[in-house]
Amino acid sequence: MSDIISLDVYYLLYYFFAIFVAFFAVPTGAMIMIVSFASIATGLTDLALLGTLAFVATVSGDYSAYLVAKYFKVRFDGYINRIMWLKSKIHLVSKVFQKYGGYTVFLTRFALSGLGPYVNLFSGLRDLPKKLFLQAVMSGEIIYVSMFIFVGYFFSETWQAVVLIVKDYTMFAVLIGLGIVITTRLTKFLLKERII
């Protein structure tokens, strides 16, 4: 029996949900999730299952974000105007849309994937036709999912070594970053209160 199919269903639900939520601009590391799960695949059945789950999760996440923005347009516009970083991302997406048009949706699935969630929202806010949006999303997501499934499968030993390195050094980096933030904030506070 293959490793992926024998996994508990909760792992596969987590895999699906983490990828789905990533397309609402929630940083879940969908790409890392796809590559990591593909690195433990033992055959074509596993790859087909992971690829299908990832494809359905990405397309449904993209389409859900599009629908939320489309049907809650008035509330969403007010929300965007209050949050500066979101406003700047949407402004960047509108510039890219002016330059490339509908190809922007396709390109942000794999080439400019960091802008993908914002393009989903922008497409819904600007009433991009549903059929055009879904065609661009599906064709782009096939490339996105295939790319990372194959990277995980063909470079599984290397990828597992990378995961171990990241796991070992991430906590150290987080602690250093946290120490820097606490030190600078404490110093600013003490200077403001004239304690130092």
N, C-alpha and C. Protein backbone atom coordinates (compact mmCIF):
# COMPACT_ATOMS: atom_id res chain seq x y z
N MET A 1 0.85 -1.19 0.00
CA MET A 1 0.00 0.00 0.00
C MET A 1 0.89 1.24 0.00
N SER A 2 0.47 2.26 -0.72
CA SER A 2 1.30 3.47 -0.83
C SER A 2 1.21 4.32 0.43
N ASP A 3 2.22 5.17 0.61
CA ASP A 3 2.31 6.00 1.81
C ASP A 3 1.20 7.04 1.88
N ILE A 4 0.90 7.68 0.76
CA ILE A 4 -0.08 8.77 0.76
C ILE A 4 -1.48 8.24 1.02
N ILE A 5 -1.85 7.18 0.34
CA ILE A 5 -3.21 6.66 0.50
C ILE A 5 -3.40 6.11 1.91
N SER A 6 -2.33 5.58 2.50
CA SER A 6 -2.46 5.06 3.86
C SER A 6 -2.42 6.17 4.92
N LEU A 7 -2.15 7.40 4.51
CA LEU A 7 -2.18 8.52 5.47
C LEU A 7 -3.58 8.69 6.03
N ASP A 8 -3.63 9.15 7.22
CA ASP A 8 -4.91 9.44 7.85
C ASP A 8 -5.63 10.51 7.02
N VAL A 9 -6.92 10.42 6.94
CA VAL A 9 -7.71 11.36 6.15
C VAL A 9 -7.54 12.79 6.65
N TYR A 10 -7.21 12.94 7.92
CA TYR A 10 -7.04 14.29 8.47
C TYR A 10 -5.84 15.00 7.85
N TYR A 11 -4.78 14.25 7.54
CA TYR A 11 -3.63 14.86 6.87
C TYR A 11 -4.01 15.36 5.48
N LEU A 12 -4.79 14.55 4.78
CA LEU A 12 -5.22 14.96 3.45
C LEU A 12 -6.19 16.14 3.51
N LEU A 13 -7.05 16.18 4.53
CA LEU A 13 -7.93 17.34 4.70
C LEU A 13 -7.12 18.59 5.03
N TYR A 14 -6.11 18.44 5.86
CA TYR A 14 -5.23 19.56 6.19
C TYR A 14 -4.52 20.05 4.93
N TYR A 15 -4.03 19.12 4.13
CA TYR A 15 -3.37 19.44 2.86
C TYR A 15 -4.31 20.25 1.98
N PHE A 16 -5.54 19.78 1.82
CA PHE A 16 -6.54 20.47 1.00
C PHE A 16 -6.84 21.85 1.57
N PHE A 17 -7.13 21.92 2.86
CA PHE A 17 -7.54 23.17 3.48
C PHE A 17 -6.42 24.22 3.45
N ALA A 18 -5.18 23.79 3.71
CA ALA A 18 -4.06 24.74 3.71
C ALA A 18 -3.85 25.33 2.32
N ILE A 19 -4.02 24.53 1.29
CA ILE A 19 -3.88 25.03 -0.08
C ILE A 19 -5.07 25.92 -0.43
N PHE A 20 -6.27 25.52 -0.05
CA PHE A 20 -7.48 26.30 -0.33
C PHE A 20 -7.40 27.69 0.27
N VAL A 21 -7.03 27.78 1.54
CA VAL A 21 -7.01 29.05 2.26
C VAL A 21 -5.92 29.98 1.73
N ALA A 22 -4.86 29.42 1.18
CA ALA A 22 -3.76 30.24 0.67
C ALA A 22 -4.22 31.20 -0.43
N PHE A 23 -5.28 30.87 -1.11
CA PHE A 23 -5.74 31.71 -2.21
C PHE A 23 -6.70 32.80 -1.76
N PHE A 24 -6.82 32.97 -0.45
CA PHE A 24 -7.49 34.13 0.15
C PHE A 24 -6.45 35.06 0.76
N ALA A 25 -5.21 34.95 0.32
CA ALA A 25 -4.08 35.76 0.81
C ALA A 25 -3.72 35.43 2.25
N VAL A 26 -3.97 34.19 2.66
CA VAL A 26 -3.54 33.72 3.98
C VAL A 26 -2.25 32.94 3.77
N PRO A 27 -1.15 33.36 4.40
CA PRO A 27 0.14 32.70 4.14
C PRO A 27 0.24 31.32 4.80
N THR A 28 -0.08 30.28 4.04
CA THR A 28 -0.02 28.92 4.58
C THR A 28 1.13 28.11 4.00
N GLY A 29 1.82 28.63 3.03
CA GLY A 29 2.91 27.87 2.41
C GLY A 29 2.40 26.76 1.53
N ALA A 30 1.45 27.07 0.66
CA ALA A 30 0.83 26.04 -0.19
C ALA A 30 1.87 25.35 -1.07
N MET A 31 2.80 26.11 -1.63
CA MET A 31 3.82 25.52 -2.48
C MET A 31 4.66 24.52 -1.70
N ILE A 32 5.06 24.89 -0.50
CA ILE A 32 5.87 23.99 0.33
C ILE A 32 5.07 22.75 0.71
N MET A 33 3.78 22.95 0.96
CA MET A 33 2.91 21.83 1.31
C MET A 33 2.82 20.84 0.14
N ILE A 34 2.65 21.34 -1.07
CA ILE A 34 2.54 20.46 -2.24
C ILE A 34 3.85 19.70 -2.45
N VAL A 35 4.97 20.41 -2.40
CA VAL A 35 6.27 19.77 -2.62
C VAL A 35 6.56 18.75 -1.52
N SER A 36 6.26 19.08 -0.28
CA SER A 36 6.54 18.17 0.84
C SER A 36 5.73 16.89 0.74
N PHE A 37 4.45 17.01 0.45
CA PHE A 37 3.63 15.81 0.32
C PHE A 37 4.06 14.99 -0.89
N ALA A 38 4.43 15.66 -2.00
CA ALA A 38 4.87 14.92 -3.18
C ALA A 38 6.20 14.22 -2.93
N SER A 39 7.00 14.73 -2.01
CA SER A 39 8.30 14.10 -1.74
C SER A 39 8.16 12.75 -1.04
N ILE A 40 7.01 12.49 -0.42
CA ILE A 40 6.82 11.17 0.21
C ILE A 40 5.95 10.25 -0.64
N ALA A 41 5.60 10.70 -1.84
CA ALA A 41 4.80 9.86 -2.74
C ALA A 41 5.65 8.70 -3.22
N THR A 42 5.03 7.54 -3.36
CA THR A 42 5.78 6.35 -3.78
C THR A 42 5.40 5.87 -5.17
N GLY A 43 4.44 6.49 -5.79
CA GLY A 43 4.07 6.04 -7.12
C GLY A 43 3.12 7.00 -7.80
N LEU A 44 2.67 6.58 -8.98
CA LEU A 44 1.78 7.44 -9.77
C LEU A 44 0.42 7.64 -9.12
N THR A 45 -0.05 6.64 -8.39
CA THR A 45 -1.34 6.78 -7.71
C THR A 45 -1.28 7.89 -6.67
N ASP A 46 -0.19 7.92 -5.92
CA ASP A 46 -0.01 8.98 -4.92
C ASP A 46 0.06 10.35 -5.59
N LEU A 47 0.83 10.44 -6.67
CA LEU A 47 0.95 11.72 -7.38
C LEU A 47 -0.38 12.17 -7.95
N ALA A 48 -1.15 11.21 -8.48
CA ALA A 48 -2.46 11.56 -9.04
C ALA A 48 -3.39 12.07 -7.94
N LEU A 49 -3.38 11.41 -6.79
CA LEU A 49 -4.22 11.84 -5.68
C LEU A 49 -3.82 13.22 -5.19
N LEU A 50 -2.52 13.43 -4.96
CA LEU A 50 -2.04 14.73 -4.49
C LEU A 50 -2.28 15.82 -5.51
N GLY A 51 -2.03 15.52 -6.77
CA GLY A 51 -2.25 16.51 -7.83
C GLY A 51 -3.71 16.89 -7.95
N THR A 52 -4.59 15.90 -7.90
CA THR A 52 -6.03 16.18 -7.98
C THR A 52 -6.50 17.00 -6.80
N LEU A 53 -6.08 16.61 -5.60
CA LEU A 53 -6.47 17.38 -4.40
C LEU A 53 -5.95 18.81 -4.47
N ALA A 54 -4.70 18.97 -4.88
CA ALA A 54 -4.12 20.32 -4.96
C ALA A 54 -4.81 21.15 -6.03
N PHE A 55 -5.11 20.54 -7.18
CA PHE A 55 -5.78 21.27 -8.26
C PHE A 55 -7.17 21.71 -7.83
N VAL A 56 -7.93 20.81 -7.24
CA VAL A 56 -9.28 21.16 -6.78
C VAL A 56 -9.21 22.24 -5.69
N ALA A 57 -8.25 22.13 -4.79
CA ALA A 57 -8.11 23.12 -3.71
C ALA A 57 -7.73 24.49 -4.27
N THR A 58 -6.80 24.53 -5.22
CA THR A 58 -6.37 25.82 -5.76
C THR A 58 -7.48 26.48 -6.56
N VAL A 59 -8.13 25.72 -7.42
CA VAL A 59 -9.20 26.31 -8.24
C VAL A 59 -10.37 26.74 -7.38
N SER A 60 -10.77 25.90 -6.42
CA SER A 60 -11.90 26.29 -5.56
C SER A 60 -11.53 27.46 -4.66
N GLY A 61 -10.28 27.54 -4.21
CA GLY A 61 -9.84 28.70 -3.43
C GLY A 61 -9.85 29.97 -4.24
N ASP A 62 -9.33 29.89 -5.47
CA ASP A 62 -9.35 31.06 -6.36
C ASP A 62 -10.77 31.52 -6.65
N TYR A 63 -11.62 30.57 -6.99
CA TYR A 63 -12.99 30.91 -7.36
C TYR A 63 -13.78 31.44 -6.15
N SER A 64 -13.53 30.88 -4.99
CA SER A 64 -14.21 31.36 -3.78
C SER A 64 -13.82 32.80 -3.47
N ALA A 65 -12.53 33.12 -3.59
CA ALA A 65 -12.08 34.49 -3.35
C ALA A 65 -12.69 35.44 -4.37
N TYR A 66 -12.77 34.99 -5.61
CA TYR A 66 -13.40 35.78 -6.68
C TYR A 66 -14.87 36.07 -6.35
N LEU A 67 -15.59 35.02 -5.92
CA LEU A 67 -17.01 35.20 -5.60
C LEU A 67 -17.24 36.09 -4.39
N VAL A 68 -16.40 35.93 -3.37
CA VAL A 68 -16.52 36.78 -2.18
C VAL A 68 -16.35 38.24 -2.57
N ALA A 69 -15.33 38.52 -3.37
CA ALA A 69 -15.09 39.91 -3.79
C ALA A 69 -16.22 40.41 -4.69
N LYS A 70 -16.74 39.54 -5.53
CA LYS A 70 -17.78 39.97 -6.47
C LYS A 70 -19.10 40.28 -5.75
N TYR A 71 -19.50 39.43 -4.82
CA TYR A 71 -20.81 39.60 -4.20
C TYR A 71 -20.82 40.50 -2.97
N PHE A 72 -19.66 40.76 -2.42
CA PHE A 72 -19.57 41.68 -1.29
C PHE A 72 -18.73 42.90 -1.67
N LYS A 73 -18.91 43.33 -2.91
CA LYS A 73 -18.10 44.39 -3.50
C LYS A 73 -18.13 45.68 -2.70
N VAL A 74 -19.29 46.13 -2.27
CA VAL A 74 -19.41 47.41 -1.56
C VAL A 74 -18.65 47.36 -0.23
N ARG A 75 -18.86 46.31 0.53
CA ARG A 75 -18.17 46.17 1.81
C ARG A 75 -16.67 45.99 1.60
N PHE A 76 -16.32 45.25 0.58
CA PHE A 76 -14.93 44.96 0.32
C PHE A 76 -14.16 46.21 -0.09
N ASP A 77 -14.76 47.06 -0.91
CA ASP A 77 -14.09 48.31 -1.32
C ASP A 77 -13.78 49.17 -0.11
N GLY A 78 -14.71 49.28 0.82
CA GLY A 78 -14.47 50.05 2.04
C GLY A 78 -13.37 49.44 2.89
N TYR A 79 -13.34 48.12 2.95
CA TYR A 79 -12.32 47.41 3.72
C TYR A 79 -10.94 47.63 3.12
N ILE A 80 -10.84 47.56 1.80
CA ILE A 80 -9.56 47.74 1.12
C ILE A 80 -9.02 49.14 1.34
N ASN A 81 -9.89 50.13 1.30
CA ASN A 81 -9.44 51.52 1.47
C ASN A 81 -8.91 51.81 2.87
N ARG A 82 -9.31 51.02 3.86
CA ARG A 82 -8.83 51.24 5.23
C ARG A 82 -7.50 50.58 5.52
N ILE A 83 -7.13 49.56 4.78
CA ILE A 83 -5.90 48.81 5.04
C ILE A 83 -4.88 49.14 3.96
N MET A 84 -3.82 49.82 4.35
CA MET A 84 -2.86 50.35 3.39
C MET A 84 -2.13 49.27 2.59
N TRP A 85 -1.67 48.20 3.23
CA TRP A 85 -0.91 47.20 2.48
C TRP A 85 -1.79 46.50 1.47
N LEU A 86 -3.07 46.28 1.81
CA LEU A 86 -3.98 45.65 0.87
C LEU A 86 -4.30 46.60 -0.27
N LYS A 87 -4.46 47.87 0.05
CA LYS A 87 -4.72 48.88 -0.97
C LYS A 87 -3.56 48.96 -1.96
N SER A 88 -2.33 48.90 -1.45
CA SER A 88 -1.16 48.97 -2.34
C SER A 88 -1.07 47.73 -3.22
N LYS A 89 -1.41 46.56 -2.68
CA LYS A 89 -1.39 45.33 -3.50
C LYS A 89 -2.44 45.39 -4.60
N ILE A 90 -3.64 45.84 -4.27
CA ILE A 90 -4.70 45.96 -5.27
C ILE A 90 -4.31 46.99 -6.33
N HIS A 91 -3.66 48.07 -5.92
CA HIS A 91 -3.19 49.09 -6.87
C HIS A 91 -2.15 48.49 -7.82
N LEU A 92 -1.23 47.68 -7.28
CA LEU A 92 -0.23 47.01 -8.11
C LEU A 92 -0.89 46.07 -9.10
N VAL A 93 -1.89 45.33 -8.64
CA VAL A 93 -2.61 44.41 -9.51
C VAL A 93 -3.33 45.17 -10.62
N SER A 94 -3.91 46.32 -10.31
CA SER A 94 -4.60 47.09 -11.35
C SER A 94 -3.62 47.57 -12.41
N LYS A 95 -2.39 47.91 -12.02
CA LYS A 95 -1.36 48.30 -13.00
C LYS A 95 -1.01 47.12 -13.90
N VAL A 96 -0.83 45.95 -13.29
CA VAL A 96 -0.51 44.76 -14.07
C VAL A 96 -1.67 44.40 -15.00
N PHE A 97 -2.91 44.55 -14.51
CA PHE A 97 -4.09 44.29 -15.34
C PHE A 97 -4.15 45.23 -16.53
N GLN A 98 -3.82 46.50 -16.32
CA GLN A 98 -3.82 47.45 -17.43
C GLN A 98 -2.81 47.06 -18.49
N LYS A 99 -1.70 46.50 -18.06
CA LYS A 99 -0.64 46.15 -19.01
C LYS A 99 -0.92 44.84 -19.73
N TYR A 100 -1.37 43.81 -19.00
CA TYR A 100 -1.52 42.48 -19.59
C TYR A 100 -2.96 42.01 -19.76
N GLY A 101 -3.92 42.70 -19.22
CA GLY A 101 -5.32 42.32 -19.36
C GLY A 101 -5.64 41.00 -18.70
N GLY A 102 -6.44 40.18 -19.38
CA GLY A 102 -6.89 38.89 -18.84
C GLY A 102 -5.77 37.88 -18.63
N TYR A 103 -4.64 38.07 -19.32
CA TYR A 103 -3.50 37.17 -19.13
C TYR A 103 -2.94 37.26 -17.72
N THR A 104 -3.26 38.34 -17.05
CA THR A 104 -2.78 38.51 -15.67
C THR A 104 -3.26 37.37 -14.79
N VAL A 105 -4.50 36.97 -14.95
CA VAL A 105 -5.05 35.88 -14.13
C VAL A 105 -4.26 34.60 -14.39
N PHE A 106 -3.98 34.31 -15.65
CA PHE A 106 -3.22 33.12 -16.01
C PHE A 106 -1.80 33.18 -15.46
N LEU A 107 -1.12 34.30 -15.65
CA LEU A 107 0.28 34.44 -15.23
C LEU A 107 0.46 34.39 -13.72
N THR A 108 -0.53 34.88 -12.98
CA THR A 108 -0.39 34.89 -11.52
C THR A 108 -0.70 33.54 -10.88
N ARG A 109 -1.00 32.56 -11.65
CA ARG A 109 -1.19 31.23 -11.10
C ARG A 109 0.16 30.57 -10.86
N PHE A 110 1.16 30.84 -11.68
CA PHE A 110 2.44 30.16 -11.53
C PHE A 110 3.64 31.09 -11.64
N ALA A 111 3.65 32.03 -12.57
CA ALA A 111 4.82 32.88 -12.78
C ALA A 111 4.91 34.00 -11.74
N LEU A 112 3.79 34.62 -11.43
CA LEU A 112 3.72 35.70 -10.45
C LEU A 112 2.79 35.28 -9.32
N SER A 113 3.03 34.12 -8.76
CA SER A 113 2.06 33.53 -7.83
C SER A 113 1.85 34.34 -6.56
N GLY A 114 2.77 35.21 -6.21
CA GLY A 114 2.58 36.06 -5.03
C GLY A 114 1.42 37.03 -5.18
N LEU A 115 1.10 37.38 -6.42
CA LEU A 115 -0.02 38.29 -6.67
C LEU A 115 -1.34 37.56 -6.88
N GLY A 116 -1.31 36.24 -6.93
CA GLY A 116 -2.51 35.45 -7.21
C GLY A 116 -3.73 35.77 -6.37
N PRO A 117 -3.62 35.77 -5.03
CA PRO A 117 -4.79 36.06 -4.21
C PRO A 117 -5.36 37.46 -4.45
N TYR A 118 -4.48 38.42 -4.71
CA TYR A 118 -4.94 39.79 -4.94
C TYR A 118 -5.60 39.92 -6.31
N VAL A 119 -5.12 39.14 -7.28
CA VAL A 119 -5.77 39.12 -8.60
C VAL A 119 -7.15 38.50 -8.49
N ASN A 120 -7.30 37.47 -7.65
CA ASN A 120 -8.63 36.88 -7.43
C ASN A 120 -9.60 37.94 -6.92
N LEU A 121 -9.17 38.69 -5.92
CA LEU A 121 -10.02 39.73 -5.35
C LEU A 121 -10.30 40.84 -6.37
N PHE A 122 -9.27 41.27 -7.06
CA PHE A 122 -9.42 42.34 -8.05
C PHE A 122 -10.37 41.91 -9.17
N SER A 123 -10.25 40.66 -9.61
CA SER A 123 -11.12 40.15 -10.68
C SER A 123 -12.58 40.16 -10.25
N GLY A 124 -12.84 39.79 -9.01
CA GLY A 124 -14.21 39.83 -8.51
C GLY A 124 -14.72 41.25 -8.35
N LEU A 125 -13.86 42.14 -7.86
CA LEU A 125 -14.27 43.54 -7.67
C LEU A 125 -14.55 44.23 -9.00
N ARG A 126 -13.81 43.88 -10.03
CA ARG A 126 -13.96 44.55 -11.33
C ARG A 126 -14.83 43.76 -12.30
N ASP A 127 -15.55 42.77 -11.81
CA ASP A 127 -16.49 41.98 -12.61
C ASP A 127 -15.88 41.36 -13.87
N LEU A 128 -14.72 40.76 -13.73
CA LEU A 128 -14.15 39.99 -14.82
C LEU A 128 -15.12 38.85 -15.11
N PRO A 129 -15.43 38.57 -16.37
CA PRO A 129 -16.39 37.49 -16.67
C PRO A 129 -15.96 36.16 -16.05
N LYS A 130 -16.94 35.48 -15.48
CA LYS A 130 -16.71 34.23 -14.75
C LYS A 130 -16.02 33.18 -15.62
N LYS A 131 -16.48 33.05 -16.86
CA LYS A 131 -15.93 32.03 -17.75
C LYS A 131 -14.46 32.31 -18.06
N LEU A 132 -14.14 33.56 -18.35
CA LEU A 132 -12.75 33.94 -18.63
C LEU A 132 -11.87 33.70 -17.40
N PHE A 133 -12.38 34.07 -16.24
CA PHE A 133 -11.63 33.88 -15.00
C PHE A 133 -11.34 32.40 -14.76
N LEU A 134 -12.37 31.56 -14.87
CA LEU A 134 -12.18 30.13 -14.61
C LEU A 134 -11.26 29.46 -15.63
N GLN A 135 -11.36 29.86 -16.90
CA GLN A 135 -10.46 29.28 -17.91
C GLN A 135 -9.01 29.62 -17.60
N ALA A 136 -8.76 30.88 -17.27
CA ALA A 136 -7.39 31.30 -16.96
C ALA A 136 -6.88 30.63 -15.69
N VAL A 137 -7.74 30.54 -14.69
CA VAL A 137 -7.34 29.92 -13.42
C VAL A 137 -7.04 28.44 -13.61
N MET A 138 -7.92 27.72 -14.28
CA MET A 138 -7.71 26.28 -14.44
C MET A 138 -6.45 25.97 -15.24
N SER A 139 -6.24 26.69 -16.33
CA SER A 139 -5.05 26.41 -17.13
C SER A 139 -3.77 26.79 -16.38
N GLY A 140 -3.80 27.87 -15.64
CA GLY A 140 -2.63 28.27 -14.86
C GLY A 140 -2.37 27.35 -13.69
N GLU A 141 -3.43 26.89 -13.03
CA GLU A 141 -3.26 26.02 -11.87
C GLU A 141 -2.76 24.63 -12.25
N ILE A 142 -3.08 24.17 -13.45
CA ILE A 142 -2.52 22.90 -13.91
C ILE A 142 -1.00 23.00 -13.96
N ILE A 143 -0.50 24.11 -14.47
CA ILE A 143 0.96 24.32 -14.53
C ILE A 143 1.53 24.42 -13.12
N TYR A 144 0.88 25.21 -12.26
CA TYR A 144 1.35 25.42 -10.88
C TYR A 144 1.45 24.11 -10.11
N VAL A 145 0.38 23.34 -10.13
CA VAL A 145 0.34 22.09 -9.37
C VAL A 145 1.33 21.09 -9.95
N SER A 146 1.36 20.96 -11.27
CA SER A 146 2.27 20.00 -11.91
C SER A 146 3.72 20.32 -11.59
N MET A 147 4.05 21.61 -11.64
CA MET A 147 5.41 22.05 -11.37
C MET A 147 5.87 21.58 -9.99
N PHE A 148 5.07 21.84 -8.97
CA PHE A 148 5.50 21.53 -7.61
C PHE A 148 5.34 20.06 -7.24
N ILE A 149 4.40 19.38 -7.86
CA ILE A 149 4.29 17.93 -7.66
C ILE A 149 5.55 17.25 -8.20
N PHE A 150 5.97 17.63 -9.40
CA PHE A 150 7.15 17.00 -9.99
C PHE A 150 8.43 17.38 -9.26
N VAL A 151 8.54 18.61 -8.79
CA VAL A 151 9.72 19.00 -8.00
C VAL A 151 9.80 18.14 -6.74
N GLY A 152 8.68 17.99 -6.06
CA GLY A 152 8.67 17.18 -4.84
C GLY A 152 8.98 15.72 -5.10
N TYR A 153 8.46 15.18 -6.20
CA TYR A 153 8.65 13.77 -6.48
C TYR A 153 10.07 13.46 -6.96
N PHE A 154 10.55 14.24 -7.92
CA PHE A 154 11.86 13.94 -8.51
C PHE A 154 13.04 14.38 -7.64
N PHE A 155 12.82 15.33 -6.76
CA PHE A 155 13.90 15.78 -5.88
C PHE A 155 13.56 15.48 -4.42
N SER A 156 12.93 14.33 -4.20
CA SER A 156 12.42 14.02 -2.85
C SER A 156 13.53 13.91 -1.81
N GLU A 157 14.64 13.27 -2.15
CA GLU A 157 15.71 13.14 -1.16
C GLU A 157 16.30 14.50 -0.82
N THR A 158 16.54 15.31 -1.83
CA THR A 158 17.08 16.65 -1.61
C THR A 158 16.08 17.49 -0.83
N TRP A 159 14.82 17.36 -1.19
CA TRP A 159 13.79 18.15 -0.52
C TRP A 159 13.68 17.78 0.95
N GLN A 160 13.76 16.50 1.26
CA GLN A 160 13.69 16.08 2.66
C GLN A 160 14.88 16.62 3.45
N ALA A 161 16.05 16.71 2.82
CA ALA A 161 17.21 17.31 3.48
C ALA A 161 16.98 18.79 3.72
N VAL A 162 16.38 19.47 2.74
CA VAL A 162 16.08 20.90 2.90
C VAL A 162 15.09 21.11 4.04
N VAL A 163 14.09 20.26 4.13
CA VAL A 163 13.10 20.37 5.21
C VAL A 163 13.77 20.22 6.57
N LEU A 164 14.70 19.28 6.68
CA LEU A 164 15.42 19.10 7.96
C LEU A 164 16.25 20.33 8.31
N ILE A 165 16.92 20.89 7.32
CA ILE A 165 17.73 22.09 7.56
C ILE A 165 16.83 23.25 7.98
N VAL A 166 15.75 23.44 7.27
CA VAL A 166 14.82 24.52 7.60
C VAL A 166 14.26 24.33 9.01
N LYS A 167 13.90 23.10 9.32
CA LYS A 167 13.35 22.81 10.65
C LYS A 167 14.36 23.11 11.75
N ASP A 168 15.61 22.75 11.50
CA ASP A 168 16.65 22.97 12.51
C ASP A 168 16.95 24.45 12.74
N TYR A 169 17.00 25.22 11.68
CA TYR A 169 17.44 26.61 11.79
C TYR A 169 16.32 27.64 11.88
N THR A 170 15.10 27.24 11.59
CA THR A 170 13.99 28.19 11.64
C THR A 170 13.75 28.69 13.06
N MET A 171 13.74 27.81 14.01
CA MET A 171 13.49 28.22 15.40
C MET A 171 14.58 29.18 15.88
N PHE A 172 15.82 28.91 15.51
CA PHE A 172 16.92 29.80 15.87
C PHE A 172 16.72 31.18 15.26
N ALA A 173 16.35 31.23 13.98
CA ALA A 173 16.13 32.51 13.30
C ALA A 173 14.94 33.26 13.90
N VAL A 174 13.88 32.54 14.24
CA VAL A 174 12.71 33.17 14.86
C VAL A 174 13.07 33.76 16.21
N LEU A 175 13.84 33.04 17.00
CA LEU A 175 14.25 33.55 18.31
C LEU A 175 15.14 34.78 18.19
N ILE A 176 16.04 34.79 17.23
CA ILE A 176 16.88 35.97 17.01
C ILE A 176 16.02 37.15 16.59
N GLY A 177 15.11 36.93 15.64
CA GLY A 177 14.21 38.00 15.20
C GLY A 177 13.36 38.53 16.33
N LEU A 178 12.83 37.64 17.14
CA LEU A 178 12.02 38.05 18.28
C LEU A 178 12.85 38.85 19.28
N GLY A 179 14.07 38.43 19.51
CA GLY A 179 14.96 39.17 20.40
C GLY A 179 15.25 40.57 19.89
N ILE A 180 15.45 40.71 18.59
CA ILE A 180 15.71 42.03 18.00
C ILE A 180 14.49 42.93 18.15
N VAL A 181 13.31 42.39 17.85
CA VAL A 181 12.08 43.18 17.95
C VAL A 181 11.85 43.63 19.40
N ILE A 182 11.98 42.71 20.33
CA ILE A 182 11.76 43.06 21.75
C ILE A 182 12.78 44.09 22.21
N THR A 183 14.03 43.91 21.83
CA THR A 183 15.08 44.86 22.23
C THR A 183 14.82 46.25 21.68
N THR A 184 14.47 46.35 20.40
CA THR A 184 14.23 47.68 19.82
C THR A 184 13.00 48.34 20.42
N ARG A 185 11.95 47.59 20.62
CA ARG A 185 10.74 48.18 21.23
C ARG A 185 10.98 48.60 22.67
N LEU A 186 11.69 47.78 23.40
CA LEU A 186 12.00 48.12 24.79
C LEU A 186 12.89 49.36 24.86
N THR A 187 13.87 49.43 23.96
CA THR A 187 14.75 50.61 23.92
C THR A 187 13.97 51.87 23.59
N LYS A 188 13.08 51.79 22.59
CA LYS A 188 12.26 52.96 22.24
C LYS A 188 11.38 53.38 23.40
N PHE A 189 10.79 52.41 24.08
CA PHE A 189 9.93 52.72 25.22
C PHE A 189 10.72 53.39 26.33
N LEU A 190 11.88 52.83 26.64
CA LEU A 190 12.70 53.39 27.72
C LEU A 190 13.22 54.78 27.37
N LEU A 191 13.56 55.00 26.11
CA LEU A 191 14.00 56.34 25.69
C LEU A 191 12.84 57.34 25.76
N LYS A 192 11.67 56.88 25.38
CA LYS A 192 10.49 57.76 25.41
C LYS A 192 10.15 58.14 26.85
N GLU A 193 10.28 57.22 27.75
CA GLU A 193 9.99 57.47 29.16
C GLU A 193 11.17 58.11 29.90
N ARG A 194 12.25 58.30 29.16
CA ARG A 194 13.49 58.91 29.70
C ARG A 194 14.07 58.12 30.88
N ILE A 195 13.98 56.81 30.77
CA ILE A 195 14.54 55.95 31.81
C ILE A 195 16.02 55.68 31.51
N ILE A 196 16.37 55.65 30.24
CA ILE A 196 17.77 55.40 29.86
C ILE A 196 18.49 56.73 29.74
